[in-house]
Amino acid sequence: QVQLIESGGKLVQAGDSLRLSCAASGLTSSIYSIGWYRRAPGKEREFIGSIRWKSGITYYKDAVKGRGTFSRDIAKNTADLQMTNLKPEDTAVYYCVADLGDGNGFASWGQGTQVTVSS
């Protein structure tokens, strides 16, 4: 099993930068990819990108392309999302989720961390 804990969410102002972290524990050797989602108030969860655990290959959705950077540290069992030029529309609960390469896709979810961007 893999457990994920997100952290770093804060109340910030438009234009600020913020780094969100995802700490993984358990059978981390089974991780194939770490995905990032967010859920704005009253909205469905939105997939914003992912990073391959072993290779570090990244995929960015338009919502964060150019403003978000994914990284991971295998030795530390962590994955980060660095966001810049935050906008009020970025206000959401941010989640990391693990794909364990078992055919179930992104199925191991963290608890989420709240990001609030004031205008």
Protein backbone atom coordinates (compact mmCIF):
# COMPACT_ATOMS: atom_id res chain seq x y z
CA GLN A 1 0.00 0.00 0.00
CA VAL A 2 1.02 3.62 -0.61
CA GLN A 3 -0.07 6.56 1.54
CA LEU A 4 0.18 10.18 0.41
CA ILE A 5 0.09 13.39 2.44
CA GLU A 6 -0.12 16.81 0.79
CA SER A 7 1.10 19.97 2.49
CA GLY A 8 1.98 23.58 1.77
CA GLY A 9 -1.43 25.05 0.99
CA LYS A 10 -1.88 28.62 2.20
CA LEU A 11 -3.81 31.83 1.79
CA VAL A 12 -1.86 33.92 -0.74
CA GLN A 13 -2.37 36.96 -2.93
CA ALA A 14 -2.71 36.99 -6.70
CA GLY A 15 0.71 36.91 -8.32
CA ASP A 16 2.34 35.02 -5.47
CA SER A 17 4.21 31.73 -5.73
CA LEU A 18 3.68 28.59 -3.68
CA ARG A 19 5.23 25.15 -3.38
CA LEU A 20 3.02 22.19 -2.57
CA SER A 21 4.54 18.94 -1.35
CA CYS A 22 3.42 15.33 -1.46
CA ALA A 23 5.02 12.85 0.92
CA ALA A 24 4.69 9.17 0.06
CA SER A 25 5.08 6.25 2.42
CA GLY A 26 4.52 2.52 2.34
CA LEU A 27 5.45 0.51 -0.73
CA THR A 28 6.82 3.48 -2.65
CA SER A 29 8.80 1.21 -4.96
CA SER A 30 5.49 0.32 -6.59
CA ILE A 31 4.76 3.91 -7.71
CA TYR A 32 4.56 4.33 -11.46
CA SER A 33 3.40 7.95 -11.60
CA ILE A 34 2.24 10.78 -9.34
CA GLY A 35 -0.71 12.75 -10.60
CA TRP A 36 -1.94 16.14 -9.42
CA TYR A 37 -5.57 17.18 -9.25
CA ARG A 38 -7.43 20.13 -7.85
CA ARG A 39 -11.05 20.72 -6.88
CA ALA A 40 -12.41 24.23 -6.80
CA PRO A 41 -15.51 25.02 -4.71
CA GLY A 42 -18.57 23.50 -6.33
CA LYS A 43 -16.50 21.90 -9.09
CA GLU A 44 -15.40 18.41 -10.00
CA ARG A 45 -11.83 17.36 -9.54
CA GLU A 46 -9.62 18.62 -12.37
CA PHE A 47 -6.54 16.76 -13.56
CA ILE A 48 -3.68 19.22 -13.92
CA GLY A 49 -0.68 17.01 -14.66
CA SER A 50 1.60 14.19 -13.64
CA ILE A 51 5.19 13.07 -13.25
CA ARG A 52 6.65 9.61 -13.81
CA TRP A 53 8.23 8.37 -10.61
CA LYS A 54 11.27 6.69 -12.13
CA SER A 55 12.07 8.82 -15.16
CA GLY A 56 10.78 12.22 -14.05
CA ILE A 57 8.94 12.75 -17.34
CA THR A 58 6.23 15.34 -16.82
CA TYR A 59 2.88 16.12 -18.38
CA TYR A 60 1.18 19.47 -17.90
CA LYS A 61 -2.39 20.44 -18.59
CA ASP A 62 -3.10 23.92 -19.93
CA ALA A 63 -4.33 25.14 -16.56
CA VAL A 64 -0.82 25.03 -15.11
CA LYS A 65 1.42 24.94 -18.17
CA GLY A 66 3.97 27.74 -17.89
CA ARG A 67 3.10 28.39 -14.24
CA GLY A 68 3.48 24.97 -12.64
CA THR A 69 6.51 22.72 -12.29
CA PHE A 70 6.41 19.11 -11.12
CA SER A 71 9.36 17.46 -9.44
CA ARG A 72 10.07 14.39 -7.35
CA ASP A 73 12.85 13.07 -5.14
CA ILE A 74 12.90 9.29 -5.14
CA ALA A 75 15.34 9.08 -2.23
CA LYS A 76 13.09 11.29 -0.08
CA ASN A 77 9.82 9.80 -1.37
CA THR A 78 8.43 13.24 -2.15
CA ALA A 79 6.85 15.00 -5.10
CA ASP A 80 6.36 18.76 -5.35
CA LEU A 81 4.30 21.20 -7.36
CA GLN A 82 5.77 24.68 -7.69
CA MET A 83 3.18 27.25 -8.75
CA THR A 84 3.92 30.81 -9.82
CA ASN A 85 1.75 33.79 -10.71
CA LEU A 86 -1.18 32.39 -8.78
CA LYS A 87 -4.63 33.59 -9.75
CA PRO A 88 -7.95 33.61 -7.89
CA GLU A 89 -9.07 30.85 -10.26
CA ASP A 90 -6.36 28.63 -8.74
CA THR A 91 -8.25 28.55 -5.44
CA ALA A 92 -8.91 24.87 -4.79
CA VAL A 93 -8.03 21.85 -2.75
CA TYR A 94 -4.98 20.28 -4.37
CA TYR A 95 -4.42 16.52 -4.33
CA CYS A 96 -1.63 14.19 -5.27
CA VAL A 97 -2.49 10.65 -6.32
CA ALA A 98 -0.38 7.61 -7.14
CA ASP A 99 -0.69 5.28 -10.08
CA LEU A 100 0.82 1.97 -8.98
CA GLY A 101 1.01 0.48 -12.47
CA ASP A 102 -1.51 -2.21 -11.57
CA GLY A 103 -4.15 -1.27 -14.13
CA ASN A 104 -6.21 0.81 -11.69
CA GLY A 105 -4.84 4.19 -12.76
CA PHE A 106 -4.56 6.97 -10.19
CA ALA A 107 -6.10 5.23 -7.20
CA SER A 108 -4.03 6.10 -4.10
CA TRP A 109 -5.15 9.56 -2.99
CA GLY A 110 -3.85 12.02 -0.46
CA GLN A 111 -6.12 14.08 1.78
CA GLY A 112 -5.63 17.34 -0.11
CA THR A 113 -4.28 20.76 0.86
CA GLN A 114 -6.18 24.03 0.56
CA VAL A 115 -4.86 26.85 -1.62
CA THR A 116 -6.71 30.15 -1.46
CA VAL A 117 -5.73 33.05 -3.73
CA SER A 118 -7.12 36.47 -2.94
CA SER A 119 -7.52 39.16 -5.59
